[in-house]
N, C-alpha and C. Protein backbone atom coordinates (compact mmCIF):
# COMPACT_ATOMS: atom_id res chain seq x y z
N MET A 1 -10.66 -117.89 -106.36
CA MET A 1 -10.28 -117.55 -105.00
C MET A 1 -10.97 -116.24 -104.64
N ASP A 2 -11.51 -116.15 -103.43
CA ASP A 2 -12.22 -114.93 -103.05
C ASP A 2 -11.26 -113.77 -102.83
N THR A 3 -11.81 -112.56 -102.81
CA THR A 3 -10.98 -111.35 -102.75
C THR A 3 -10.14 -111.28 -101.49
N GLN A 4 -10.65 -111.78 -100.38
CA GLN A 4 -9.87 -111.75 -99.14
C GLN A 4 -8.65 -112.66 -99.25
N LEU A 5 -8.82 -113.85 -99.82
CA LEU A 5 -7.67 -114.75 -99.98
C LEU A 5 -6.68 -114.18 -100.99
N ILE A 6 -7.17 -113.50 -102.02
CA ILE A 6 -6.26 -112.84 -102.97
C ILE A 6 -5.44 -111.78 -102.26
N ARG A 7 -6.08 -111.00 -101.42
CA ARG A 7 -5.38 -109.97 -100.64
C ARG A 7 -4.31 -110.61 -99.75
N PHE A 8 -4.66 -111.70 -99.08
CA PHE A 8 -3.69 -112.39 -98.23
C PHE A 8 -2.52 -112.92 -99.06
N GLY A 9 -2.83 -113.50 -100.23
CA GLY A 9 -1.78 -114.03 -101.09
C GLY A 9 -0.82 -112.95 -101.57
N LYS A 10 -1.35 -111.78 -101.91
CA LYS A 10 -0.48 -110.68 -102.33
C LYS A 10 0.41 -110.22 -101.18
N PHE A 11 -0.16 -110.15 -99.98
CA PHE A 11 0.65 -109.78 -98.83
C PHE A 11 1.75 -110.82 -98.59
N MET A 12 1.39 -112.09 -98.65
CA MET A 12 2.36 -113.16 -98.43
C MET A 12 3.47 -113.11 -99.49
N SER A 13 3.11 -112.84 -100.75
CA SER A 13 4.12 -112.72 -101.81
C SER A 13 5.07 -111.56 -101.53
N LEU A 14 4.52 -110.43 -101.15
CA LEU A 14 5.35 -109.26 -100.84
C LEU A 14 6.34 -109.59 -99.73
N VAL A 15 5.85 -110.18 -98.65
CA VAL A 15 6.69 -110.43 -97.49
C VAL A 15 7.69 -111.56 -97.75
N LEU A 16 7.23 -112.67 -98.34
CA LEU A 16 8.09 -113.84 -98.49
C LEU A 16 9.02 -113.78 -99.71
N ARG A 17 8.72 -112.88 -100.66
CA ARG A 17 9.56 -112.80 -101.86
C ARG A 17 10.39 -111.53 -101.95
N HIS A 18 9.93 -110.45 -101.28
CA HIS A 18 10.57 -109.17 -101.53
C HIS A 18 10.95 -108.36 -100.29
N ARG A 19 10.07 -108.26 -99.29
CA ARG A 19 10.30 -107.30 -98.22
C ARG A 19 10.04 -107.86 -96.81
N PRO A 20 10.66 -108.95 -96.43
CA PRO A 20 10.39 -109.48 -95.09
C PRO A 20 10.79 -108.50 -93.98
N GLU A 21 11.89 -107.78 -94.19
CA GLU A 21 12.40 -106.87 -93.17
C GLU A 21 11.43 -105.73 -92.89
N ARG A 22 10.68 -105.29 -93.90
CA ARG A 22 9.72 -104.21 -93.72
C ARG A 22 8.67 -104.59 -92.68
N TYR A 23 8.40 -105.87 -92.55
CA TYR A 23 7.36 -106.34 -91.62
C TYR A 23 7.94 -107.06 -90.42
N GLY A 24 9.25 -106.90 -90.20
CA GLY A 24 9.90 -107.48 -89.03
C GLY A 24 10.01 -109.00 -89.10
N LEU A 25 10.02 -109.55 -90.29
CA LEU A 25 10.08 -110.99 -90.46
C LEU A 25 11.49 -111.38 -90.92
N THR A 26 11.96 -112.50 -90.40
CA THR A 26 13.27 -113.02 -90.79
C THR A 26 13.08 -114.33 -91.54
N LEU A 27 13.69 -114.41 -92.72
CA LEU A 27 13.69 -115.65 -93.49
C LEU A 27 15.03 -116.34 -93.26
N ASP A 28 15.03 -117.67 -93.26
CA ASP A 28 16.31 -118.36 -93.18
C ASP A 28 16.96 -118.33 -94.56
N GLN A 29 18.14 -118.92 -94.69
CA GLN A 29 18.88 -118.85 -95.96
C GLN A 29 18.15 -119.49 -97.13
N HIS A 30 17.18 -120.35 -96.83
CA HIS A 30 16.41 -121.02 -97.88
C HIS A 30 15.03 -120.40 -98.11
N GLY A 31 14.81 -119.24 -97.50
CA GLY A 31 13.57 -118.51 -97.72
C GLY A 31 12.42 -118.88 -96.80
N TRP A 32 12.65 -119.75 -95.82
CA TRP A 32 11.58 -120.18 -94.92
C TRP A 32 11.37 -119.17 -93.80
N ALA A 33 10.11 -118.95 -93.46
CA ALA A 33 9.71 -118.13 -92.30
C ALA A 33 8.78 -118.99 -91.44
N GLN A 34 8.82 -118.76 -90.18
CA GLN A 34 7.90 -119.46 -89.28
C GLN A 34 6.48 -118.94 -89.55
N ILE A 35 5.54 -119.83 -89.68
CA ILE A 35 4.16 -119.45 -89.98
C ILE A 35 3.60 -118.53 -88.90
N ASP A 36 3.84 -118.84 -87.64
CA ASP A 36 3.34 -117.99 -86.56
C ASP A 36 3.91 -116.57 -86.66
N ASP A 37 5.18 -116.46 -87.06
CA ASP A 37 5.80 -115.14 -87.21
C ASP A 37 5.18 -114.38 -88.39
N LEU A 38 4.88 -115.07 -89.48
CA LEU A 38 4.24 -114.43 -90.63
C LEU A 38 2.84 -113.93 -90.26
N ILE A 39 2.10 -114.75 -89.56
CA ILE A 39 0.75 -114.35 -89.14
C ILE A 39 0.81 -113.14 -88.22
N ALA A 40 1.76 -113.15 -87.27
CA ALA A 40 1.92 -112.01 -86.36
C ALA A 40 2.29 -110.75 -87.14
N ALA A 41 3.20 -110.87 -88.12
CA ALA A 41 3.61 -109.72 -88.93
C ALA A 41 2.43 -109.18 -89.72
N ALA A 42 1.64 -110.07 -90.28
CA ALA A 42 0.46 -109.65 -91.05
C ALA A 42 -0.50 -108.89 -90.15
N ASN A 43 -0.77 -109.43 -88.99
CA ASN A 43 -1.72 -108.78 -88.08
C ASN A 43 -1.22 -107.42 -87.62
N ARG A 44 0.08 -107.29 -87.38
CA ARG A 44 0.66 -105.98 -87.02
C ARG A 44 0.47 -104.98 -88.15
N ALA A 45 0.47 -105.47 -89.40
CA ALA A 45 0.31 -104.60 -90.57
C ALA A 45 -1.16 -104.37 -90.93
N GLY A 46 -2.07 -104.89 -90.11
CA GLY A 46 -3.49 -104.69 -90.37
C GLY A 46 -4.08 -105.69 -91.35
N VAL A 47 -3.37 -106.77 -91.63
CA VAL A 47 -3.86 -107.83 -92.52
C VAL A 47 -4.29 -108.99 -91.61
N PRO A 48 -5.58 -109.28 -91.52
CA PRO A 48 -6.09 -110.25 -90.55
C PRO A 48 -5.88 -111.72 -90.97
N LEU A 49 -4.64 -112.07 -91.24
CA LEU A 49 -4.28 -113.43 -91.64
C LEU A 49 -4.39 -114.38 -90.44
N THR A 50 -4.93 -115.55 -90.66
CA THR A 50 -5.03 -116.59 -89.63
C THR A 50 -4.41 -117.87 -90.19
N HIS A 51 -4.26 -118.87 -89.34
CA HIS A 51 -3.76 -120.17 -89.81
C HIS A 51 -4.68 -120.72 -90.90
N ALA A 52 -5.98 -120.62 -90.70
CA ALA A 52 -6.93 -121.17 -91.66
C ALA A 52 -6.86 -120.42 -93.00
N SER A 53 -6.78 -119.09 -92.95
CA SER A 53 -6.73 -118.35 -94.21
C SER A 53 -5.39 -118.57 -94.92
N LEU A 54 -4.30 -118.70 -94.18
CA LEU A 54 -3.02 -119.00 -94.78
C LEU A 54 -3.08 -120.35 -95.50
N GLN A 55 -3.65 -121.35 -94.84
CA GLN A 55 -3.81 -122.67 -95.46
C GLN A 55 -4.67 -122.56 -96.73
N GLY A 56 -5.70 -121.72 -96.68
CA GLY A 56 -6.56 -121.51 -97.84
C GLY A 56 -5.80 -120.91 -99.01
N VAL A 57 -4.94 -119.94 -98.74
CA VAL A 57 -4.13 -119.33 -99.80
C VAL A 57 -3.21 -120.38 -100.42
N VAL A 58 -2.53 -121.14 -99.58
CA VAL A 58 -1.59 -122.15 -100.08
C VAL A 58 -2.33 -123.19 -100.92
N ALA A 59 -3.46 -123.65 -100.46
CA ALA A 59 -4.20 -124.72 -101.15
C ALA A 59 -4.88 -124.23 -102.42
N ARG A 60 -5.35 -122.99 -102.42
CA ARG A 60 -6.19 -122.54 -103.53
C ARG A 60 -5.47 -121.63 -104.52
N ASN A 61 -4.22 -121.28 -104.28
CA ASN A 61 -3.49 -120.42 -105.21
C ASN A 61 -3.24 -121.19 -106.50
N ASP A 62 -3.75 -120.68 -107.61
CA ASP A 62 -3.65 -121.41 -108.88
C ASP A 62 -2.22 -121.58 -109.36
N LYS A 63 -1.31 -120.76 -108.89
CA LYS A 63 0.09 -120.88 -109.29
C LYS A 63 0.92 -121.67 -108.28
N GLN A 64 0.28 -122.09 -107.21
CA GLN A 64 0.99 -122.85 -106.16
C GLN A 64 2.29 -122.15 -105.77
N ARG A 65 2.18 -120.86 -105.44
CA ARG A 65 3.34 -120.02 -105.15
C ARG A 65 4.03 -120.35 -103.83
N PHE A 66 3.33 -121.00 -102.92
CA PHE A 66 3.88 -121.19 -101.58
C PHE A 66 4.02 -122.66 -101.23
N ALA A 67 5.00 -122.94 -100.37
CA ALA A 67 5.22 -124.29 -99.87
C ALA A 67 5.25 -124.23 -98.35
N ILE A 68 4.66 -125.22 -97.73
CA ILE A 68 4.72 -125.36 -96.27
C ILE A 68 5.68 -126.49 -95.97
N SER A 69 6.50 -126.30 -94.94
CA SER A 69 7.50 -127.30 -94.57
C SER A 69 6.83 -128.60 -94.14
N GLU A 70 7.60 -129.68 -94.17
CA GLU A 70 7.07 -130.99 -93.81
C GLU A 70 6.50 -131.03 -92.40
N ASP A 71 7.10 -130.26 -91.48
CA ASP A 71 6.60 -130.25 -90.10
C ASP A 71 5.42 -129.30 -89.91
N GLY A 72 5.06 -128.55 -90.98
CA GLY A 72 3.91 -127.66 -90.93
C GLY A 72 4.13 -126.36 -90.18
N LEU A 73 5.38 -126.05 -89.83
CA LEU A 73 5.66 -124.87 -89.02
C LEU A 73 6.19 -123.68 -89.81
N ALA A 74 6.66 -123.92 -91.04
CA ALA A 74 7.29 -122.84 -91.82
C ALA A 74 6.67 -122.78 -93.22
N ILE A 75 6.85 -121.65 -93.84
CA ILE A 75 6.33 -121.40 -95.18
C ILE A 75 7.36 -120.62 -95.97
N ARG A 76 7.35 -120.83 -97.30
CA ARG A 76 8.20 -120.01 -98.17
C ARG A 76 7.54 -119.88 -99.54
N ALA A 77 8.01 -118.89 -100.27
CA ALA A 77 7.62 -118.75 -101.67
C ALA A 77 8.48 -119.71 -102.48
N ARG A 78 7.90 -120.33 -103.50
CA ARG A 78 8.63 -121.33 -104.29
C ARG A 78 9.63 -120.70 -105.25
N GLN A 79 9.36 -119.47 -105.73
CA GLN A 79 10.28 -118.75 -106.60
C GLN A 79 9.80 -117.31 -106.70
N GLY A 80 10.54 -116.50 -107.46
CA GLY A 80 10.13 -115.11 -107.69
C GLY A 80 10.73 -114.11 -106.73
N HIS A 81 11.75 -114.53 -105.98
CA HIS A 81 12.36 -113.66 -104.99
C HIS A 81 13.20 -112.55 -105.61
N SER A 82 13.12 -111.38 -105.00
CA SER A 82 14.05 -110.30 -105.35
C SER A 82 15.11 -110.16 -104.25
N ILE A 83 15.02 -110.99 -103.24
CA ILE A 83 16.04 -111.05 -102.19
C ILE A 83 16.79 -112.37 -102.35
N ALA A 84 18.00 -112.40 -101.85
CA ALA A 84 18.84 -113.59 -102.02
C ALA A 84 18.38 -114.71 -101.09
N VAL A 85 17.93 -115.80 -101.67
CA VAL A 85 17.63 -117.02 -100.94
C VAL A 85 18.11 -118.21 -101.77
N ASP A 86 18.48 -119.27 -101.10
CA ASP A 86 18.90 -120.49 -101.77
C ASP A 86 17.73 -121.47 -101.71
N LEU A 87 17.05 -121.64 -102.82
CA LEU A 87 15.89 -122.54 -102.86
C LEU A 87 16.28 -124.00 -103.01
N GLU A 88 17.57 -124.25 -102.99
CA GLU A 88 18.10 -125.62 -103.06
C GLU A 88 17.65 -126.33 -104.33
N LEU A 89 17.59 -125.59 -105.41
CA LEU A 89 17.18 -126.16 -106.69
C LEU A 89 18.37 -126.88 -107.34
N VAL A 90 18.08 -127.97 -107.98
CA VAL A 90 19.09 -128.78 -108.65
C VAL A 90 18.97 -128.54 -110.16
N PRO A 91 20.09 -128.29 -110.85
CA PRO A 91 20.00 -128.10 -112.30
C PRO A 91 19.39 -129.32 -112.98
N LEU A 92 18.53 -129.05 -113.96
CA LEU A 92 17.87 -130.11 -114.73
C LEU A 92 17.97 -129.80 -116.22
N ALA A 93 17.97 -130.85 -117.02
CA ALA A 93 17.89 -130.66 -118.46
C ALA A 93 16.45 -130.26 -118.79
N PRO A 94 16.27 -129.14 -119.46
CA PRO A 94 14.90 -128.69 -119.79
C PRO A 94 14.41 -129.40 -121.05
N PRO A 95 13.11 -129.27 -121.33
CA PRO A 95 12.62 -129.73 -122.63
C PRO A 95 13.24 -128.87 -123.73
N ALA A 96 13.08 -129.29 -124.96
CA ALA A 96 13.68 -128.58 -126.10
C ALA A 96 13.21 -127.13 -126.18
N GLN A 97 11.94 -126.89 -125.85
CA GLN A 97 11.42 -125.53 -125.89
C GLN A 97 10.61 -125.25 -124.62
N LEU A 98 10.75 -124.03 -124.15
CA LEU A 98 9.92 -123.50 -123.08
C LEU A 98 9.33 -122.19 -123.60
N PHE A 99 8.49 -121.56 -122.80
CA PHE A 99 7.77 -120.36 -123.26
C PHE A 99 7.83 -119.26 -122.21
N HIS A 100 7.81 -118.04 -122.69
CA HIS A 100 7.81 -116.88 -121.79
C HIS A 100 6.68 -115.95 -122.20
N GLY A 101 5.79 -115.70 -121.27
CA GLY A 101 4.70 -114.77 -121.51
C GLY A 101 5.10 -113.37 -121.09
N THR A 102 4.85 -112.42 -121.95
CA THR A 102 5.18 -111.03 -121.67
C THR A 102 4.11 -110.16 -122.32
N ALA A 103 4.29 -108.86 -122.21
CA ALA A 103 3.35 -107.92 -122.85
C ALA A 103 3.99 -107.37 -124.12
N GLU A 104 3.16 -107.08 -125.07
CA GLU A 104 3.61 -106.56 -126.36
C GLU A 104 4.53 -105.34 -126.20
N ARG A 105 4.23 -104.50 -125.23
CA ARG A 105 5.01 -103.26 -125.06
C ARG A 105 6.46 -103.51 -124.66
N PHE A 106 6.80 -104.72 -124.22
CA PHE A 106 8.17 -105.02 -123.81
C PHE A 106 9.02 -105.63 -124.94
N LEU A 107 8.41 -105.90 -126.09
CA LEU A 107 9.12 -106.63 -127.15
C LEU A 107 10.37 -105.91 -127.68
N ASP A 108 10.31 -104.60 -127.84
CA ASP A 108 11.49 -103.89 -128.36
C ASP A 108 12.69 -104.08 -127.45
N SER A 109 12.47 -103.95 -126.16
CA SER A 109 13.55 -104.13 -125.19
C SER A 109 14.07 -105.57 -125.21
N ILE A 110 13.15 -106.53 -125.28
CA ILE A 110 13.56 -107.94 -125.30
C ILE A 110 14.33 -108.25 -126.58
N ARG A 111 13.93 -107.67 -127.71
CA ARG A 111 14.67 -107.90 -128.96
C ARG A 111 16.11 -107.39 -128.87
N ARG A 112 16.33 -106.34 -128.07
CA ARG A 112 17.68 -105.78 -127.90
C ARG A 112 18.48 -106.54 -126.84
N GLN A 113 17.85 -106.89 -125.71
CA GLN A 113 18.58 -107.40 -124.55
C GLN A 113 18.34 -108.86 -124.22
N GLY A 114 17.34 -109.47 -124.80
CA GLY A 114 16.95 -110.81 -124.38
C GLY A 114 16.11 -110.72 -123.12
N LEU A 115 15.92 -111.84 -122.46
CA LEU A 115 15.16 -111.86 -121.21
C LEU A 115 16.13 -111.76 -120.05
N LEU A 116 15.94 -110.74 -119.24
CA LEU A 116 16.80 -110.49 -118.09
C LEU A 116 16.01 -110.70 -116.81
N ARG A 117 16.67 -111.11 -115.78
CA ARG A 117 15.98 -111.37 -114.51
C ARG A 117 15.60 -110.08 -113.78
N ARG A 118 16.19 -108.99 -114.18
CA ARG A 118 15.94 -107.70 -113.53
C ARG A 118 16.15 -107.80 -112.03
N SER A 119 15.14 -107.50 -111.22
CA SER A 119 15.32 -107.52 -109.77
C SER A 119 15.10 -108.92 -109.18
N ARG A 120 14.70 -109.87 -109.99
CA ARG A 120 14.44 -111.23 -109.50
C ARG A 120 15.70 -112.08 -109.57
N GLN A 121 15.65 -113.24 -108.95
CA GLN A 121 16.78 -114.15 -108.98
C GLN A 121 16.87 -114.90 -110.31
N HIS A 122 15.74 -115.08 -110.99
CA HIS A 122 15.71 -115.85 -112.22
C HIS A 122 14.68 -115.29 -113.19
N VAL A 123 14.83 -115.66 -114.46
CA VAL A 123 13.80 -115.47 -115.47
C VAL A 123 12.87 -116.67 -115.34
N HIS A 124 11.57 -116.43 -115.39
CA HIS A 124 10.57 -117.50 -115.25
C HIS A 124 10.08 -117.93 -116.63
N LEU A 125 10.05 -119.25 -116.84
CA LEU A 125 9.60 -119.82 -118.10
C LEU A 125 8.50 -120.83 -117.85
N SER A 126 7.61 -120.97 -118.80
CA SER A 126 6.47 -121.88 -118.69
C SER A 126 6.68 -123.10 -119.58
N PHE A 127 6.11 -124.20 -119.14
CA PHE A 127 6.18 -125.45 -119.90
C PHE A 127 5.22 -125.44 -121.09
N ASP A 128 4.14 -124.64 -120.98
CA ASP A 128 3.14 -124.65 -122.04
C ASP A 128 2.72 -123.22 -122.41
N VAL A 129 2.18 -123.10 -123.59
CA VAL A 129 1.77 -121.81 -124.13
C VAL A 129 0.63 -121.20 -123.32
N ALA A 130 -0.33 -122.03 -122.90
CA ALA A 130 -1.49 -121.49 -122.16
C ALA A 130 -1.05 -120.77 -120.88
N THR A 131 -0.11 -121.35 -120.16
CA THR A 131 0.39 -120.70 -118.94
C THR A 131 1.11 -119.41 -119.29
N ALA A 132 1.91 -119.44 -120.34
CA ALA A 132 2.64 -118.23 -120.75
C ALA A 132 1.67 -117.11 -121.13
N ILE A 133 0.57 -117.45 -121.76
CA ILE A 133 -0.43 -116.43 -122.11
C ILE A 133 -1.00 -115.80 -120.83
N LYS A 134 -1.32 -116.64 -119.84
CA LYS A 134 -1.85 -116.11 -118.57
C LYS A 134 -0.85 -115.16 -117.92
N VAL A 135 0.42 -115.52 -117.95
CA VAL A 135 1.46 -114.67 -117.36
C VAL A 135 1.54 -113.36 -118.12
N GLY A 136 1.59 -113.42 -119.44
CA GLY A 136 1.69 -112.22 -120.25
C GLY A 136 0.50 -111.29 -120.08
N ARG A 137 -0.67 -111.86 -119.90
CA ARG A 137 -1.90 -111.08 -119.75
C ARG A 137 -1.86 -110.19 -118.50
N ARG A 138 -1.10 -110.58 -117.49
CA ARG A 138 -1.00 -109.77 -116.27
C ARG A 138 -0.34 -108.43 -116.55
N HIS A 139 0.41 -108.34 -117.65
CA HIS A 139 1.20 -107.14 -117.94
C HIS A 139 0.66 -106.32 -119.09
N GLY A 140 -0.40 -106.79 -119.74
CA GLY A 140 -0.96 -106.08 -120.89
C GLY A 140 -1.36 -107.06 -121.97
N GLN A 141 -1.30 -106.60 -123.24
CA GLN A 141 -1.61 -107.47 -124.38
C GLN A 141 -0.57 -108.59 -124.41
N PRO A 142 -0.98 -109.86 -124.21
CA PRO A 142 0.00 -110.93 -124.07
C PRO A 142 0.67 -111.32 -125.39
N VAL A 143 1.94 -111.65 -125.26
CA VAL A 143 2.75 -112.17 -126.35
C VAL A 143 3.53 -113.34 -125.78
N VAL A 144 3.62 -114.42 -126.52
CA VAL A 144 4.36 -115.58 -126.06
C VAL A 144 5.62 -115.75 -126.91
N LEU A 145 6.75 -115.80 -126.23
CA LEU A 145 8.03 -116.04 -126.87
C LEU A 145 8.41 -117.50 -126.66
N THR A 146 8.97 -118.11 -127.68
CA THR A 146 9.47 -119.47 -127.56
C THR A 146 10.95 -119.39 -127.20
N VAL A 147 11.35 -120.16 -126.21
CA VAL A 147 12.74 -120.20 -125.76
C VAL A 147 13.33 -121.53 -126.21
N GLU A 148 14.42 -121.47 -126.95
CA GLU A 148 15.12 -122.68 -127.39
C GLU A 148 15.98 -123.19 -126.24
N SER A 149 15.29 -123.72 -125.23
CA SER A 149 15.94 -124.12 -123.99
C SER A 149 16.88 -125.31 -124.15
N GLY A 150 16.54 -126.23 -125.03
CA GLY A 150 17.44 -127.36 -125.27
C GLY A 150 18.79 -126.90 -125.79
N ALA A 151 18.77 -125.98 -126.75
CA ALA A 151 20.02 -125.42 -127.29
C ALA A 151 20.78 -124.65 -126.21
N MET A 152 20.06 -123.88 -125.41
CA MET A 152 20.72 -123.15 -124.33
C MET A 152 21.42 -124.11 -123.37
N HIS A 153 20.72 -125.18 -123.01
CA HIS A 153 21.29 -126.17 -122.09
C HIS A 153 22.55 -126.79 -122.70
N ARG A 154 22.49 -127.16 -123.97
CA ARG A 154 23.66 -127.73 -124.64
C ARG A 154 24.82 -126.73 -124.65
N ASP A 155 24.50 -125.44 -124.66
CA ASP A 155 25.53 -124.41 -124.67
C ASP A 155 25.99 -124.00 -123.27
N GLY A 156 25.53 -124.72 -122.25
CA GLY A 156 26.05 -124.52 -120.90
C GLY A 156 25.20 -123.73 -119.94
N TYR A 157 24.02 -123.29 -120.34
CA TYR A 157 23.13 -122.56 -119.43
C TYR A 157 22.47 -123.54 -118.48
N LEU A 158 22.34 -123.15 -117.23
CA LEU A 158 21.72 -123.99 -116.22
C LEU A 158 20.25 -123.65 -116.07
N PHE A 159 19.43 -124.68 -116.02
CA PHE A 159 17.99 -124.56 -115.82
C PHE A 159 17.60 -125.27 -114.54
N TYR A 160 16.56 -124.72 -113.90
CA TYR A 160 16.02 -125.30 -112.68
C TYR A 160 14.50 -125.36 -112.83
N ARG A 161 13.89 -126.27 -112.11
CA ARG A 161 12.42 -126.31 -112.10
C ARG A 161 11.98 -126.25 -110.64
N SER A 162 11.16 -125.26 -110.34
CA SER A 162 10.66 -125.13 -108.97
C SER A 162 9.60 -126.20 -108.72
N GLU A 163 9.23 -126.36 -107.47
CA GLU A 163 8.28 -127.40 -107.08
C GLU A 163 6.93 -127.28 -107.77
N ASN A 164 6.57 -126.08 -108.20
CA ASN A 164 5.28 -125.89 -108.86
C ASN A 164 5.39 -125.90 -110.39
N GLY A 165 6.53 -126.34 -110.91
CA GLY A 165 6.68 -126.54 -112.34
C GLY A 165 7.19 -125.36 -113.14
N VAL A 166 7.46 -124.23 -112.50
CA VAL A 166 8.01 -123.08 -113.21
C VAL A 166 9.49 -123.34 -113.49
N TRP A 167 9.89 -123.13 -114.74
CA TRP A 167 11.29 -123.29 -115.12
C TRP A 167 12.01 -121.97 -114.88
N LEU A 168 13.24 -122.05 -114.40
CA LEU A 168 14.01 -120.87 -114.02
C LEU A 168 15.38 -120.92 -114.69
N VAL A 169 15.86 -119.75 -115.12
CA VAL A 169 17.18 -119.62 -115.74
C VAL A 169 17.67 -118.21 -115.44
N ASP A 170 18.97 -118.00 -115.46
CA ASP A 170 19.51 -116.68 -115.14
C ASP A 170 19.16 -115.61 -116.17
N CYS A 171 19.16 -115.98 -117.44
CA CYS A 171 18.83 -115.04 -118.52
C CYS A 171 18.55 -115.86 -119.78
N VAL A 172 17.98 -115.21 -120.77
CA VAL A 172 17.79 -115.84 -122.08
C VAL A 172 18.29 -114.85 -123.13
N PRO A 173 19.48 -115.11 -123.70
CA PRO A 173 19.98 -114.22 -124.75
C PRO A 173 19.06 -114.23 -125.97
N VAL A 174 19.08 -113.15 -126.71
CA VAL A 174 18.22 -112.98 -127.88
C VAL A 174 18.37 -114.15 -128.87
N ALA A 175 19.56 -114.67 -129.00
CA ALA A 175 19.83 -115.75 -129.98
C ALA A 175 18.98 -116.99 -129.71
N TYR A 176 18.47 -117.16 -128.50
CA TYR A 176 17.69 -118.34 -128.15
C TYR A 176 16.18 -118.08 -128.11
N LEU A 177 15.78 -116.91 -128.56
CA LEU A 177 14.36 -116.54 -128.54
C LEU A 177 13.77 -116.60 -129.94
N VAL A 178 12.55 -117.10 -130.02
CA VAL A 178 11.77 -117.07 -131.25
C VAL A 178 10.58 -116.16 -130.99
N PHE A 179 10.53 -115.07 -131.75
CA PHE A 179 9.46 -114.10 -131.57
C PHE A 179 8.27 -114.49 -132.45
N PRO A 180 7.06 -114.18 -132.02
CA PRO A 180 5.89 -114.53 -132.82
C PRO A 180 5.94 -113.91 -134.21
N GLY A 181 5.47 -114.65 -135.19
CA GLY A 181 5.42 -114.15 -136.55
C GLY A 181 6.72 -114.28 -137.31
N LEU A 182 7.71 -114.91 -136.67
CA LEU A 182 9.00 -115.08 -137.37
C LEU A 182 9.22 -116.50 -137.76
């Protein structure tokens, strides 16, 4: 994706996942914003977003972070919100194992506390190791943790899968984590 589309995608993530009010944008309870309103907010902020460039970000984003409504008038982030939105996700039984990519420097904290959602609504988990490595690489030297998601589910934890395949859970206690080299 070219640098301009990356810039637009970062702006869209900031507005649709974290700070809509900063840009005068209102999301509905399910996280949807009117596309015309998002474009207007971007332009007011000096980000020259257009309908065509927005469509380019949605189509070419390798993580498929955004969804456009069936009528083509609204857009939302699929997950990763630090603001309260109801993504209308239905609990699903996860596979026996999922993966979490992180940076080596966070391992001591994770060994003590497990995986916490922090400012987000959920902890994000990957279906495969390759994706987890890509996620971990964004934060430094990547480390992949194995999550015993099947056992967690049997013990009553709820899992969700967003439209782009990211698995979501409220937290992952240390007892359900397998650290590399163990």
